[in-house]
Amino acid sequence: MTPVRRRTLEILLESHRAMGAYEVLDRLAAEGFGRQPPVAYRALDFLVEHGLAHRLQRLNAFAACLHPGQDHAPAFLICRACDTLAELPAPPVHAALSDLAAETGFAVERATIEAVGLCPACAGAPA
């Protein structure tokens, strides 16, 4: 793992939330790793490809994987108020999706489950 990939992973782990590529790039640039977008995108793509991070479509962002090295099918809970992210193991959800798809003849190869709502802190906050 290159220094920029390692630092990118550390940045994701430090944040405890999903981060956009440009937010990661700003942190990398501040530490002398360069300011060109491919620096961040290549590192993030590598981390996703090797199961060390996840890409969240809803947020157009990335988060460190909480179960690296394990073959797992996570679901993500995304707070619509503060963008806090929770990763949950969700094999039954993925199995149900695959079963329903199979009834139509479709074979699911990959799925990302993202649920949007309010985290406990935001749900309890006064309006």
C-alpha atoms as a PDB file:
ATOM      1  CA  MET A   1       0.000   0.000   0.000  1.00  0.00           C
ATOM      2  CA  THR A   2       1.414   3.340  -1.044  1.00  0.00           C
ATOM      3  CA  PRO A   3       1.733   6.238   1.420  1.00  0.00           C
ATOM      4  CA  VAL A   4      -1.146   8.150  -0.216  1.00  0.00           C
ATOM      5  CA  ARG A   5      -3.433   5.098  -0.075  1.00  0.00           C
ATOM      6  CA  ARG A   6      -2.515   4.471   3.561  1.00  0.00           C
ATOM      7  CA  ARG A   7      -3.134   8.102   4.500  1.00  0.00           C
ATOM      8  CA  THR A   8      -6.446   8.113   2.601  1.00  0.00           C
ATOM      9  CA  LEU A   9      -7.596   5.119   4.618  1.00  0.00           C
ATOM     10  CA  GLU A  10      -6.462   6.798   7.839  1.00  0.00           C
ATOM     11  CA  ILE A  11      -8.420   9.932   6.924  1.00  0.00           C
ATOM     12  CA  LEU A  12     -11.577   7.878   6.335  1.00  0.00           C
ATOM     13  CA  LEU A  13     -11.090   6.018   9.612  1.00  0.00           C
ATOM     14  CA  GLU A  14     -10.551   9.261  11.539  1.00  0.00           C
ATOM     15  CA  SER A  15     -13.716  10.884  10.239  1.00  0.00           C
ATOM     16  CA  HIS A  16     -16.337   8.301  11.381  1.00  0.00           C
ATOM     17  CA  ARG A  17     -18.548   9.526   8.534  1.00  0.00           C
ATOM     18  CA  ALA A  18     -18.687   9.463   4.765  1.00  0.00           C
ATOM     19  CA  MET A  19     -16.375  11.913   3.007  1.00  0.00           C
ATOM     20  CA  GLY A  20     -16.409  13.270  -0.510  1.00  0.00           C
ATOM     21  CA  ALA A  21     -13.361  12.795  -2.714  1.00  0.00           C
ATOM     22  CA  TYR A  22     -12.589  16.525  -2.695  1.00  0.00           C
ATOM     23  CA  GLU A  23     -12.748  16.627   1.087  1.00  0.00           C
ATOM     24  CA  VAL A  24     -10.225  13.770   1.186  1.00  0.00           C
ATOM     25  CA  LEU A  25      -8.148  15.559  -1.464  1.00  0.00           C
ATOM     26  CA  ASP A  26      -8.032  18.729   0.652  1.00  0.00           C
ATOM     27  CA  ARG A  27      -6.693  16.744   3.609  1.00  0.00           C
ATOM     28  CA  LEU A  28      -4.121  14.974   1.423  1.00  0.00           C
ATOM     29  CA  ALA A  29      -3.004  18.248  -0.174  1.00  0.00           C
ATOM     30  CA  ALA A  30      -2.582  19.877   3.241  1.00  0.00           C
ATOM     31  CA  GLU A  31      -0.192  17.049   4.089  1.00  0.00           C
ATOM     32  CA  GLY A  32       1.825  17.401   0.887  1.00  0.00           C
ATOM     33  CA  PHE A  33       0.369  14.566  -1.201  1.00  0.00           C
ATOM     34  CA  GLY A  34      -0.687  16.742  -4.132  1.00  0.00           C
ATOM     35  CA  ARG A  35      -3.783  18.644  -5.156  1.00  0.00           C
ATOM     36  CA  GLN A  36      -4.771  16.902  -8.409  1.00  0.00           C
ATOM     37  CA  PRO A  37      -8.142  15.058  -8.148  1.00  0.00           C
ATOM     38  CA  PRO A  38      -6.716  11.785  -9.526  1.00  0.00           C
ATOM     39  CA  VAL A  39      -4.560  11.542  -6.377  1.00  0.00           C
ATOM     40  CA  ALA A  40      -7.655  11.100  -4.212  1.00  0.00           C
ATOM     41  CA  TYR A  41      -9.779   9.178  -6.727  1.00  0.00           C
ATOM     42  CA  ARG A  42      -7.081   6.582  -7.420  1.00  0.00           C
ATOM     43  CA  ALA A  43      -6.510   6.016  -3.709  1.00  0.00           C
ATOM     44  CA  LEU A  44     -10.248   5.777  -2.990  1.00  0.00           C
ATOM     45  CA  ASP A  45     -10.852   3.428  -5.934  1.00  0.00           C
ATOM     46  CA  PHE A  46      -8.036   1.191  -4.692  1.00  0.00           C
ATOM     47  CA  LEU A  47      -9.503   1.088  -1.185  1.00  0.00           C
ATOM     48  CA  VAL A  48     -12.982   0.242  -2.504  1.00  0.00           C
ATOM     49  CA  GLU A  49     -11.604  -2.421  -4.859  1.00  0.00           C
ATOM     50  CA  HIS A  50      -9.742  -4.093  -2.000  1.00  0.00           C
ATOM     51  CA  GLY A  51     -12.636  -4.005   0.469  1.00  0.00           C
ATOM     52  CA  LEU A  52     -11.160  -1.344   2.733  1.00  0.00           C
ATOM     53  CA  ALA A  53     -13.763   1.324   1.931  1.00  0.00           C
ATOM     54  CA  HIS A  54     -17.272   1.644   0.540  1.00  0.00           C
ATOM     55  CA  ARG A  55     -18.673   4.120  -1.976  1.00  0.00           C
ATOM     56  CA  LEU A  56     -22.035   5.568  -1.017  1.00  0.00           C
ATOM     57  CA  GLN A  57     -24.064   6.620  -4.017  1.00  0.00           C
ATOM     58  CA  ARG A  58     -26.581   8.760  -2.102  1.00  0.00           C
ATOM     59  CA  LEU A  59     -23.870  10.963  -0.646  1.00  0.00           C
ATOM     60  CA  ASN A  60     -21.415  10.635  -3.528  1.00  0.00           C
ATOM     61  CA  ALA A  61     -18.905   9.873  -0.809  1.00  0.00           C
ATOM     62  CA  PHE A  62     -16.681   7.197   0.680  1.00  0.00           C
ATOM     63  CA  ALA A  63     -16.435   5.584   4.110  1.00  0.00           C
ATOM     64  CA  ALA A  64     -13.966   3.203   5.667  1.00  0.00           C
ATOM     65  CA  CYS A  65     -15.177  -0.385   5.810  1.00  0.00           C
ATOM     66  CA  LEU A  66     -15.847  -1.558   9.349  1.00  0.00           C
ATOM     67  CA  HIS A  67     -15.221  -5.191   8.417  1.00  0.00           C
ATOM     68  CA  PRO A  68     -12.173  -5.193   6.122  1.00  0.00           C
ATOM     69  CA  GLY A  69     -10.984  -8.551   4.934  1.00  0.00           C
ATOM     70  CA  GLN A  70     -14.399 -10.130   5.477  1.00  0.00           C
ATOM     71  CA  ASP A  71     -16.738 -11.005   2.666  1.00  0.00           C
ATOM     72  CA  HIS A  72     -19.855  -9.210   3.806  1.00  0.00           C
ATOM     73  CA  ALA A  73     -22.960  -7.548   2.472  1.00  0.00           C
ATOM     74  CA  PRO A  74     -23.477  -4.316   4.389  1.00  0.00           C
ATOM     75  CA  ALA A  75     -26.386  -1.937   4.486  1.00  0.00           C
ATOM     76  CA  PHE A  76     -25.872   1.714   5.324  1.00  0.00           C
ATOM     77  CA  LEU A  77     -28.008   3.955   7.508  1.00  0.00           C
ATOM     78  CA  ILE A  78     -27.495   7.589   6.530  1.00  0.00           C
ATOM     79  CA  CYS A  79     -28.752  10.454   8.682  1.00  0.00           C
ATOM     80  CA  ARG A  80     -30.397  13.040   6.456  1.00  0.00           C
ATOM     81  CA  ALA A  81     -29.667  15.804   8.971  1.00  0.00           C
ATOM     82  CA  CYS A  82     -25.993  15.305   9.859  1.00  0.00           C
ATOM     83  CA  ASP A  83     -24.770  12.696   7.318  1.00  0.00           C
ATOM     84  CA  THR A  84     -23.718  10.337  10.124  1.00  0.00           C
ATOM     85  CA  LEU A  85     -23.244   6.872   8.724  1.00  0.00           C
ATOM     86  CA  ALA A  86     -23.769   3.435  10.229  1.00  0.00           C
ATOM     87  CA  GLU A  87     -22.707   0.209   8.524  1.00  0.00           C
ATOM     88  CA  LEU A  88     -24.797  -2.830   9.358  1.00  0.00           C
ATOM     89  CA  PRO A  89     -24.339  -6.457   8.384  1.00  0.00           C
ATOM     90  CA  ALA A  90     -27.279  -7.201   6.102  1.00  0.00           C
ATOM     91  CA  PRO A  91     -27.021 -10.690   4.565  1.00  0.00           C
ATOM     92  CA  PRO A  92     -30.792 -11.317   5.026  1.00  0.00           C
ATOM     93  CA  VAL A  93     -31.632  -8.097   3.145  1.00  0.00           C
ATOM     94  CA  HIS A  94     -29.302  -8.993   0.293  1.00  0.00           C
ATOM     95  CA  ALA A  95     -30.629 -12.561   0.237  1.00  0.00           C
ATOM     96  CA  ALA A  96     -34.222 -11.298   0.035  1.00  0.00           C
ATOM     97  CA  LEU A  97     -33.296  -8.933  -2.803  1.00  0.00           C
ATOM     98  CA  SER A  98     -31.534 -11.740  -4.683  1.00  0.00           C
ATOM     99  CA  ASP A  99     -34.513 -14.068  -4.181  1.00  0.00           C
ATOM    100  CA  LEU A 100     -36.994 -11.475  -5.457  1.00  0.00           C
ATOM    101  CA  ALA A 101     -34.765 -10.680  -8.431  1.00  0.00           C
ATOM    102  CA  ALA A 102     -34.356 -14.384  -9.228  1.00  0.00           C
ATOM    103  CA  GLU A 103     -38.143 -14.694  -9.531  1.00  0.00           C
ATOM    104  CA  THR A 104     -37.880 -12.400 -12.560  1.00  0.00           C
ATOM    105  CA  GLY A 105     -34.843 -14.195 -13.935  1.00  0.00           C
ATOM    106  CA  PHE A 106     -32.430 -11.470 -12.832  1.00  0.00           C
ATOM    107  CA  ALA A 107     -29.163 -12.427 -11.144  1.00  0.00           C
ATOM    108  CA  VAL A 108     -27.923  -9.777  -8.688  1.00  0.00           C
ATOM    109  CA  GLU A 109     -24.155  -9.518  -8.795  1.00  0.00           C
ATOM    110  CA  ARG A 110     -23.713  -6.523  -6.528  1.00  0.00           C
ATOM    111  CA  ALA A 111     -26.049  -4.300  -4.501  1.00  0.00           C
ATOM    112  CA  THR A 112     -25.574  -1.405  -2.134  1.00  0.00           C
ATOM    113  CA  ILE A 113     -28.358  -0.898   0.376  1.00  0.00           C
ATOM    114  CA  GLU A 114     -28.652   2.691   1.641  1.00  0.00           C
ATOM    115  CA  ALA A 115     -31.433   3.768   4.006  1.00  0.00           C
ATOM    116  CA  VAL A 116     -31.973   7.452   4.793  1.00  0.00           C
ATOM    117  CA  GLY A 117     -33.505   8.676   8.035  1.00  0.00           C
ATOM    118  CA  LEU A 118     -32.510  10.288  11.316  1.00  0.00           C
ATOM    119  CA  CYS A 119     -29.768   9.115  13.672  1.00  0.00           C
ATOM    120  CA  PRO A 120     -30.606   8.936  17.408  1.00  0.00           C
ATOM    121  CA  ALA A 121     -29.000  12.327  18.094  1.00  0.00           C
ATOM    122  CA  CYS A 122     -30.916  14.115  15.328  1.00  0.00           C
ATOM    123  CA  ALA A 123     -34.188  12.281  16.013  1.00  0.00           C
ATOM    124  CA  GLY A 124     -34.062  13.483  19.615  1.00  0.00           C
ATOM    125  CA  ALA A 125     -33.056  17.056  18.771  1.00  0.00           C
ATOM    126  CA  PRO A 126     -35.710  19.765  19.132  1.00  0.00           C
ATOM    127  CA  ALA A 127     -37.152  20.944  15.810  1.00  0.00           C
END
